Amino acid sequence: MDIDLYWKIFPYAAVFLAIFVIIKLVSIAIGDAIAENKAEEREEKLKRYRRRLPELKKRDEETARRRAEAAELRQRLEDAIEAGRKM
């Protein structure tokens, strides 16, 4: 009687196990696809950044130059004010 019960349960267990394995494989494939997509997006962002890098450097140099000019003008103005006070 026990053997008959095993033969009745075995097909259901086999189907359950097969479905479980298929679900696991699909979830792994989806995870890999998501990781690959994220890697491609990161690579694309890096390419865009590298293309813009010369422009960003030029902009930073221009900003530094303007700040230096502003500091020089501020110093000259302070010196002129100080010279005016001494007169």
PDB file of N, CA and C in Angstrom:
ATOM      1  N   MET A   1       0.819  -1.187   0.000  1.00  0.00           N
ATOM      2  CA  MET A   1       0.000   0.000   0.000  1.00  0.00           C
ATOM      3  C   MET A   1       0.871   1.262   0.000  1.00  0.00           C
ATOM      4  N   ASP A   2       1.974   1.225   0.727  1.00  0.00           N
ATOM      5  CA  ASP A   2       2.845   2.390   0.791  1.00  0.00           C
ATOM      6  C   ASP A   2       3.466   2.694  -0.563  1.00  0.00           C
ATOM      7  N   ILE A   3       3.818   1.675  -1.312  1.00  0.00           N
ATOM      8  CA  ILE A   3       4.426   1.875  -2.622  1.00  0.00           C
ATOM      9  C   ILE A   3       3.435   2.534  -3.565  1.00  0.00           C
ATOM     10  N   ASP A   4       2.182   2.148  -3.502  1.00  0.00           N
ATOM     11  CA  ASP A   4       1.164   2.781  -4.344  1.00  0.00           C
ATOM     12  C   ASP A   4       1.036   4.269  -4.013  1.00  0.00           C
ATOM     13  N   LEU A   5       1.139   4.597  -2.746  1.00  0.00           N
ATOM     14  CA  LEU A   5       1.047   5.991  -2.329  1.00  0.00           C
ATOM     15  C   LEU A   5       2.230   6.793  -2.881  1.00  0.00           C
ATOM     16  N   TYR A   6       3.445   6.207  -2.820  1.00  0.00           N
ATOM     17  CA  TYR A   6       4.613   6.881  -3.381  1.00  0.00           C
ATOM     18  C   TYR A   6       4.441   7.138  -4.868  1.00  0.00           C
ATOM     19  N   TRP A   7       3.919   6.163  -5.591  1.00  0.00           N
ATOM     20  CA  TRP A   7       3.736   6.329  -7.031  1.00  0.00           C
ATOM     21  C   TRP A   7       2.647   7.340  -7.355  1.00  0.00           C
ATOM     22  N   LYS A   8       1.725   7.561  -6.421  1.00  0.00           N
ATOM     23  CA  LYS A   8       0.709   8.591  -6.641  1.00  0.00           C
ATOM     24  C   LYS A   8       1.276   9.989  -6.350  1.00  0.00           C
ATOM     25  N   ILE A   9       2.158  10.082  -5.360  1.00  0.00           N
ATOM     26  CA  ILE A   9       2.717  11.375  -4.965  1.00  0.00           C
ATOM     27  C   ILE A   9       3.877  11.792  -5.873  1.00  0.00           C
ATOM     28  N   PHE A  10       4.646  10.832  -6.370  1.00  0.00           N
ATOM     29  CA  PHE A  10       5.849  11.117  -7.140  1.00  0.00           C
ATOM     30  C   PHE A  10       5.609  12.042  -8.337  1.00  0.00           C
ATOM     31  N   PRO A  11       4.599  11.827  -9.163  1.00  0.00           N
ATOM     32  CA  PRO A  11       4.400  12.739 -10.306  1.00  0.00           C
ATOM     33  C   PRO A  11       4.146  14.192  -9.869  1.00  0.00           C
ATOM     34  N   TYR A  12       3.400  14.359  -8.788  1.00  0.00           N
ATOM     35  CA  TYR A  12       3.134  15.712  -8.297  1.00  0.00           C
ATOM     36  C   TYR A  12       4.410  16.366  -7.764  1.00  0.00           C
ATOM     37  N   ALA A  13       5.197  15.582  -7.049  1.00  0.00           N
ATOM     38  CA  ALA A  13       6.464  16.100  -6.528  1.00  0.00           C
ATOM     39  C   ALA A  13       7.410  16.451  -7.675  1.00  0.00           C
ATOM     40  N   ALA A  14       7.439  15.615  -8.703  1.00  0.00           N
ATOM     41  CA  ALA A  14       8.309  15.874  -9.851  1.00  0.00           C
ATOM     42  C   ALA A  14       7.871  17.147 -10.583  1.00  0.00           C
ATOM     43  N   VAL A  15       6.575  17.321 -10.761  1.00  0.00           N
ATOM     44  CA  VAL A  15       6.060  18.522 -11.421  1.00  0.00           C
ATOM     45  C   VAL A  15       6.375  19.760 -10.574  1.00  0.00           C
ATOM     46  N   PHE A  16       6.168  19.649  -9.267  1.00  0.00           N
ATOM     47  CA  PHE A  16       6.476  20.763  -8.373  1.00  0.00           C
ATOM     48  C   PHE A  16       7.953  21.126  -8.456  1.00  0.00           C
ATOM     49  N   LEU A  17       8.816  20.136  -8.417  1.00  0.00           N
ATOM     50  CA  LEU A  17      10.254  20.379  -8.495  1.00  0.00           C
ATOM     51  C   LEU A  17      10.635  21.006  -9.840  1.00  0.00           C
ATOM     52  N   ALA A  18      10.044  20.524 -10.920  1.00  0.00           N
ATOM     53  CA  ALA A  18      10.331  21.078 -12.245  1.00  0.00           C
ATOM     54  C   ALA A  18       9.895  22.541 -12.322  1.00  0.00           C
ATOM     55  N   ILE A  19       8.715  22.837 -11.802  1.00  0.00           N
ATOM     56  CA  ILE A  19       8.223  24.217 -11.805  1.00  0.00           C
ATOM     57  C   ILE A  19       9.135  25.102 -10.959  1.00  0.00           C
ATOM     58  N   PHE A  20       9.562  24.591  -9.804  1.00  0.00           N
ATOM     59  CA  PHE A  20      10.463  25.340  -8.935  1.00  0.00           C
ATOM     60  C   PHE A  20      11.775  25.653  -9.650  1.00  0.00           C
ATOM     61  N   VAL A  21      12.340  24.673 -10.333  1.00  0.00           N
ATOM     62  CA  VAL A  21      13.604  24.865 -11.049  1.00  0.00           C
ATOM     63  C   VAL A  21      13.430  25.882 -12.176  1.00  0.00           C
ATOM     64  N   ILE A  22      12.330  25.785 -12.903  1.00  0.00           N
ATOM     65  CA  ILE A  22      12.072  26.733 -13.996  1.00  0.00           C
ATOM     66  C   ILE A  22      11.945  28.156 -13.456  1.00  0.00           C
ATOM     67  N   ILE A  23      11.200  28.311 -12.362  1.00  0.00           N
ATOM     68  CA  ILE A  23      11.042  29.640 -11.767  1.00  0.00           C
ATOM     69  C   ILE A  23      12.393  30.184 -11.311  1.00  0.00           C
ATOM     70  N   LYS A  24      13.194  29.333 -10.707  1.00  0.00           N
ATOM     71  CA  LYS A  24      14.518  29.758 -10.239  1.00  0.00           C
ATOM     72  C   LYS A  24      15.401  30.185 -11.414  1.00  0.00           C
ATOM     73  N   LEU A  25      15.402  29.416 -12.490  1.00  0.00           N
ATOM     74  CA  LEU A  25      16.211  29.760 -13.660  1.00  0.00           C
ATOM     75  C   LEU A  25      15.748  31.066 -14.302  1.00  0.00           C
ATOM     76  N   VAL A  26      14.438  31.252 -14.373  1.00  0.00           N
ATOM     77  CA  VAL A  26      13.901  32.489 -14.947  1.00  0.00           C
ATOM     78  C   VAL A  26      14.284  33.686 -14.076  1.00  0.00           C
ATOM     79  N   SER A  27      14.201  33.523 -12.755  1.00  0.00           N
ATOM     80  CA  SER A  27      14.559  34.639 -11.875  1.00  0.00           C
ATOM     81  C   SER A  27      16.047  34.974 -11.991  1.00  0.00           C
ATOM     82  N   ILE A  28      16.893  33.972 -12.155  1.00  0.00           N
ATOM     83  CA  ILE A  28      18.321  34.217 -12.351  1.00  0.00           C
ATOM     84  C   ILE A  28      18.549  34.954 -13.668  1.00  0.00           C
ATOM     85  N   ALA A  29      17.847  34.530 -14.721  1.00  0.00           N
ATOM     86  CA  ALA A  29      17.994  35.183 -16.024  1.00  0.00           C
ATOM     87  C   ALA A  29      17.539  36.640 -15.959  1.00  0.00           C
ATOM     88  N   ILE A  30      16.446  36.891 -15.255  1.00  0.00           N
ATOM     89  CA  ILE A  30      15.955  38.264 -15.117  1.00  0.00           C
ATOM     90  C   ILE A  30      16.956  39.106 -14.335  1.00  0.00           C
ATOM     91  N   GLY A  31      17.501  38.547 -13.261  1.00  0.00           N
ATOM     92  CA  GLY A  31      18.508  39.268 -12.472  1.00  0.00           C
ATOM     93  C   GLY A  31      19.737  39.600 -13.291  1.00  0.00           C
ATOM     94  N   ASP A  32      20.191  38.646 -14.101  1.00  0.00           N
ATOM     95  CA  ASP A  32      21.350  38.897 -14.965  1.00  0.00           C
ATOM     96  C   ASP A  32      21.046  39.981 -15.994  1.00  0.00           C
ATOM     97  N   ALA A  33      19.839  39.948 -16.546  1.00  0.00           N
ATOM     98  CA  ALA A  33      19.460  40.960 -17.538  1.00  0.00           C
ATOM     99  C   ALA A  33      19.422  42.352 -16.905  1.00  0.00           C
ATOM    100  N   ILE A  34      18.905  42.437 -15.692  1.00  0.00           N
ATOM    101  CA  ILE A  34      18.855  43.725 -15.000  1.00  0.00           C
ATOM    102  C   ILE A  34      20.267  44.229 -14.717  1.00  0.00           C
ATOM    103  N   ALA A  35      21.135  43.334 -14.254  1.00  0.00           N
ATOM    104  CA  ALA A  35      22.521  43.730 -13.969  1.00  0.00           C
ATOM    105  C   ALA A  35      23.230  44.185 -15.241  1.00  0.00           C
ATOM    106  N   GLU A  36      22.995  43.493 -16.334  1.00  0.00           N
ATOM    107  CA  GLU A  36      23.617  43.871 -17.607  1.00  0.00           C
ATOM    108  C   GLU A  36      23.109  45.234 -18.070  1.00  0.00           C
ATOM    109  N   ASN A  37      21.812  45.464 -17.901  1.00  0.00           N
ATOM    110  CA  ASN A  37      21.221  46.741 -18.288  1.00  0.00           C
ATOM    111  C   ASN A  37      21.821  47.881 -17.462  1.00  0.00           C
ATOM    112  N   LYS A  38      21.982  47.654 -16.158  1.00  0.00           N
ATOM    113  CA  LYS A  38      22.579  48.682 -15.310  1.00  0.00           C
ATOM    114  C   LYS A  38      24.023  48.948 -15.719  1.00  0.00           C
ATOM    115  N   ALA A  39      24.751  47.894 -16.057  1.00  0.00           N
ATOM    116  CA  ALA A  39      26.143  48.066 -16.484  1.00  0.00           C
ATOM    117  C   ALA A  39      26.207  48.869 -17.779  1.00  0.00           C
ATOM    118  N   GLU A  40      25.293  48.603 -18.700  1.00  0.00           N
ATOM    119  CA  GLU A  40      25.255  49.360 -19.954  1.00  0.00           C
ATOM    120  C   GLU A  40      24.927  50.828 -19.694  1.00  0.00           C
ATOM    121  N   GLU A  41      23.987  51.075 -18.778  1.00  0.00           N
ATOM    122  CA  GLU A  41      23.640  52.457 -18.452  1.00  0.00           C
ATOM    123  C   GLU A  41      24.830  53.187 -17.838  1.00  0.00           C
ATOM    124  N   ARG A  42      25.556  52.509 -16.932  1.00  0.00           N
ATOM    125  CA  ARG A  42      26.739  53.116 -16.333  1.00  0.00           C
ATOM    126  C   ARG A  42      27.792  53.421 -17.394  1.00  0.00           C
ATOM    127  N   GLU A  43      27.972  52.489 -18.309  1.00  0.00           N
ATOM    128  CA  GLU A  43      28.953  52.683 -19.375  1.00  0.00           C
ATOM    129  C   GLU A  43      28.557  53.854 -20.267  1.00  0.00           C
ATOM    130  N   GLU A  44      27.271  53.961 -20.568  1.00  0.00           N
ATOM    131  CA  GLU A  44      26.779  55.057 -21.402  1.00  0.00           C
ATOM    132  C   GLU A  44      26.970  56.401 -20.693  1.00  0.00           C
ATOM    133  N   LYS A  45      26.695  56.445 -19.387  1.00  0.00           N
ATOM    134  CA  LYS A  45      26.910  57.679 -18.627  1.00  0.00           C
ATOM    135  C   LYS A  45      28.383  58.057 -18.623  1.00  0.00           C
ATOM    136  N   LEU A  46      29.247  57.060 -18.483  1.00  0.00           N
ATOM    137  CA  LEU A  46      30.684  57.321 -18.486  1.00  0.00           C
ATOM    138  C   LEU A  46      31.135  57.864 -19.838  1.00  0.00           C
ATOM    139  N   LYS A  47      30.599  57.311 -20.924  1.00  0.00           N
ATOM    140  CA  LYS A  47      30.940  57.810 -22.257  1.00  0.00           C
ATOM    141  C   LYS A  47      30.497  59.263 -22.421  1.00  0.00           C
ATOM    142  N   ARG A  48      29.272  59.563 -21.970  1.00  0.00           N
ATOM    143  CA  ARG A  48      28.782  60.936 -22.066  1.00  0.00           C
ATOM    144  C   ARG A  48      29.653  61.876 -21.239  1.00  0.00           C
ATOM    145  N   TYR A  49      30.046  61.434 -20.050  1.00  0.00           N
ATOM    146  CA  TYR A  49      30.903  62.269 -19.203  1.00  0.00           C
ATOM    147  C   TYR A  49      32.249  62.509 -19.875  1.00  0.00           C
ATOM    148  N   ARG A  50      32.811  61.471 -20.456  1.00  0.00           N
ATOM    149  CA  ARG A  50      34.112  61.623 -21.116  1.00  0.00           C
ATOM    150  C   ARG A  50      34.018  62.561 -22.313  1.00  0.00           C
ATOM    151  N   ARG A  51      32.880  62.529 -23.022  1.00  0.00           N
ATOM    152  CA  ARG A  51      32.703  63.452 -24.147  1.00  0.00           C
ATOM    153  C   ARG A  51      32.598  64.893 -23.657  1.00  0.00           C
ATOM    154  N   ARG A  52      31.969  65.079 -22.491  1.00  0.00           N
ATOM    155  CA  ARG A  52      31.768  66.426 -21.963  1.00  0.00           C
ATOM    156  C   ARG A  52      32.955  66.926 -21.154  1.00  0.00           C
ATOM    157  N   LEU A  53      33.900  66.059 -20.845  1.00  0.00           N
ATOM    158  CA  LEU A  53      35.010  66.424 -19.971  1.00  0.00           C
ATOM    159  C   LEU A  53      35.795  67.641 -20.460  1.00  0.00           C
ATOM    160  N   PRO A  54      36.183  67.723 -21.744  1.00  0.00           N
ATOM    161  CA  PRO A  54      36.904  68.931 -22.185  1.00  0.00           C
ATOM    162  C   PRO A  54      36.081  70.208 -21.977  1.00  0.00           C
ATOM    163  N   GLU A  55      34.785  70.118 -22.248  1.00  0.00           N
ATOM    164  CA  GLU A  55      33.911  71.276 -22.051  1.00  0.00           C
ATOM    165  C   GLU A  55      33.847  71.653 -20.568  1.00  0.00           C
ATOM    166  N   LEU A  56      33.757  70.648 -19.705  1.00  0.00           N
ATOM    167  CA  LEU A  56      33.703  70.920 -18.271  1.00  0.00           C
ATOM    168  C   LEU A  56      35.010  71.527 -17.767  1.00  0.00           C
ATOM    169  N   LYS A  57      36.131  71.026 -18.266  1.00  0.00           N
ATOM    170  CA  LYS A  57      37.423  71.592 -17.870  1.00  0.00           C
ATOM    171  C   LYS A  57      37.530  73.045 -18.310  1.00  0.00           C
ATOM    172  N   LYS A  58      37.093  73.313 -19.537  1.00  0.00           N
ATOM    173  CA  LYS A  58      37.143  74.675 -20.063  1.00  0.00           C
ATOM    174  C   LYS A  58      36.268  75.598 -19.207  1.00  0.00           C
ATOM    175  N   ARG A  59      35.088  75.119 -18.844  1.00  0.00           N
ATOM    176  CA  ARG A  59      34.183  75.911 -18.018  1.00  0.00           C
ATOM    177  C   ARG A  59      34.789  76.165 -16.634  1.00  0.00           C
ATOM    178  N   ASP A  60      35.426  75.141 -16.058  1.00  0.00           N
ATOM    179  CA  ASP A  60      36.066  75.307 -14.752  1.00  0.00           C
ATOM    180  C   ASP A  60      37.216  76.309 -14.817  1.00  0.00           C
ATOM    181  N   GLU A  61      38.004  76.248 -15.897  1.00  0.00           N
ATOM    182  CA  GLU A  61      39.099  77.203 -16.058  1.00  0.00           C
ATOM    183  C   GLU A  61      38.560  78.623 -16.195  1.00  0.00           C
ATOM    184  N   GLU A  62      37.476  78.772 -16.945  1.00  0.00           N
ATOM    185  CA  GLU A  62      36.859  80.086 -17.118  1.00  0.00           C
ATOM    186  C   GLU A  62      36.333  80.609 -15.778  1.00  0.00           C
ATOM    187  N   THR A  63      35.724  79.740 -15.004  1.00  0.00           N
ATOM    188  CA  THR A  63      35.219  80.136 -13.690  1.00  0.00           C
ATOM    189  C   THR A  63      36.365  80.545 -12.772  1.00  0.00           C
ATOM    190  N   ALA A  64      37.447  79.784 -12.785  1.00  0.00           N
ATOM    191  CA  ALA A  64      38.610  80.120 -11.952  1.00  0.00           C
ATOM    192  C   ALA A  64      39.209  81.457 -12.382  1.00  0.00           C
ATOM    193  N   ARG A  65      39.262  81.695 -13.693  1.00  0.00           N
ATOM    194  CA  ARG A  65      39.795  82.958 -14.193  1.00  0.00           C
ATOM    195  C   ARG A  65      38.923  84.128 -13.739  1.00  0.00           C
ATOM    196  N   ARG A  66      37.604  83.957 -13.835  1.00  0.00           N
ATOM    197  CA  ARG A  66      36.689  85.020 -13.407  1.00  0.00           C
ATOM    198  C   ARG A  66      36.817  85.295 -11.912  1.00  0.00           C
ATOM    199  N   ARG A  67      36.948  84.240 -11.132  1.00  0.00           N
ATOM    200  CA  ARG A  67      37.101  84.430  -9.685  1.00  0.00           C
ATOM    201  C   ARG A  67      38.399  85.164  -9.366  1.00  0.00           C
ATOM    202  N   ALA A  68      39.466  84.815 -10.086  1.00  0.00           N
ATOM    203  CA  ALA A  68      40.745  85.498  -9.866  1.00  0.00           C
ATOM    204  C   ALA A  68      40.628  86.969 -10.240  1.00  0.00           C
ATOM    205  N   GLU A  69      39.950  87.257 -11.353  1.00  0.00           N
ATOM    206  CA  GLU A  69      39.747  88.649 -11.762  1.00  0.00           C
ATOM    207  C   GLU A  69      38.913  89.397 -10.728  1.00  0.00           C
ATOM    208  N   ALA A  70      37.871  88.746 -10.226  1.00  0.00           N
ATOM    209  CA  ALA A  70      37.018  89.384  -9.221  1.00  0.00           C
ATOM    210  C   ALA A  70      37.805  89.656  -7.946  1.00  0.00           C
ATOM    211  N   ALA A  71      38.654  88.715  -7.543  1.00  0.00           N
ATOM    212  CA  ALA A  71      39.468  88.924  -6.342  1.00  0.00           C
ATOM    213  C   ALA A  71      40.448  90.072  -6.552  1.00  0.00           C
ATOM    214  N   GLU A  72      41.035  90.146  -7.747  1.00  0.00           N
ATOM    215  CA  GLU A  72      41.968  91.229  -8.051  1.00  0.00           C
ATOM    216  C   GLU A  72      41.248  92.578  -8.038  1.00  0.00           C
ATOM    217  N   LEU A  73      40.071  92.638  -8.658  1.00  0.00           N
ATOM    218  CA  LEU A  73      39.305  93.890  -8.668  1.00  0.00           C
ATOM    219  C   LEU A  73      38.881  94.279  -7.259  1.00  0.00           C
ATOM    220  N   ARG A  74      38.487  93.301  -6.460  1.00  0.00           N
ATOM    221  CA  ARG A  74      38.094  93.572  -5.084  1.00  0.00           C
ATOM    222  C   ARG A  74      39.280  94.147  -4.296  1.00  0.00           C
ATOM    223  N   GLN A  75      40.443  93.560  -4.504  1.00  0.00           N
ATOM    224  CA  GLN A  75      41.643  94.040  -3.815  1.00  0.00           C
ATOM    225  C   GLN A  75      41.991  95.457  -4.263  1.00  0.00           C
ATOM    226  N   ARG A  76      41.897  95.714  -5.564  1.00  0.00           N
ATOM    227  CA  ARG A  76      42.189  97.063  -6.075  1.00  0.00           C
ATOM    228  C   ARG A  76      41.199  98.078  -5.511  1.00  0.00           C
ATOM    229  N   LEU A  77      39.925  97.686  -5.420  1.00  0.00           N
ATOM    230  CA  LEU A  77      38.907  98.573  -4.864  1.00  0.00           C
ATOM    231  C   LEU A  77      39.192  98.859  -3.396  1.00  0.00           C
ATOM    232  N   GLU A  78      39.531  97.826  -2.640  1.00  0.00           N
ATOM    233  CA  GLU A  78      39.854  98.025  -1.227  1.00  0.00           C
ATOM    234  C   GLU A  78      41.080  98.920  -1.069  1.00  0.00           C
ATOM    235  N   ASP A  79      42.083  98.711  -1.934  1.00  0.00           N
ATOM    236  CA  ASP A  79      43.280  99.561  -1.887  1.00  0.00           C
ATOM    237  C   ASP A  79      42.930 101.012  -2.213  1.00  0.00           C
ATOM    238  N   ALA A  80      42.057 101.224  -3.203  1.00  0.00           N
ATOM    239  CA  ALA A  80      41.651 102.583  -3.576  1.00  0.00           C
ATOM    240  C   ALA A  80      40.871 103.231  -2.440  1.00  0.00           C
ATOM    241  N   ILE A  81      40.007 102.463  -1.797  1.00  0.00           N
ATOM    242  CA  ILE A  81      39.239 103.008  -0.670  1.00  0.00           C
ATOM    243  C   ILE A  81      40.180 103.377   0.467  1.00  0.00           C
ATOM    244  N   GLU A  82      41.120 102.499   0.740  1.00  0.00           N
ATOM    245  CA  GLU A  82      42.098 102.757   1.805  1.00  0.00           C
ATOM    246  C   GLU A  82      42.948 103.988   1.470  1.00  0.00           C
ATOM    247  N   ALA A  83      43.349 104.119   0.205  1.00  0.00           N
ATOM    248  CA  ALA A  83      44.135 105.284  -0.212  1.00  0.00           C
ATOM    249  C   ALA A  83      43.301 106.555  -0.092  1.00  0.00           C
ATOM    250  N   GLY A  84      42.020 106.474  -0.398  1.00  0.00           N
ATOM    251  CA  GLY A  84      41.130 107.627  -0.279  1.00  0.00           C
ATOM    252  C   GLY A  84      40.953 108.038   1.167  1.00  0.00           C
ATOM    253  N   ARG A  85      40.949 107.097   2.079  1.00  0.00           N
ATOM    254  CA  ARG A  85      40.798 107.425   3.495  1.00  0.00           C
ATOM    255  C   ARG A  85      42.046 108.118   4.045  1.00  0.00           C
ATOM    256  N   LYS A  86      43.201 107.762   3.509  1.00  0.00           N
ATOM    257  CA  LYS A  86      44.453 108.331   4.008  1.00  0.00           C
ATOM    258  C   LYS A  86      44.629 109.774   3.559  1.00  0.00           C
ATOM    259  N   MET A  87      43.961 110.148   2.481  1.00  0.00           N
ATOM    260  CA  MET A  87      44.116 111.513   1.972  1.00  0.00           C
ATOM    261  C   MET A  87      43.446 112.449   2.867  1.00  0.00           C
TER     262      MET A  87
END
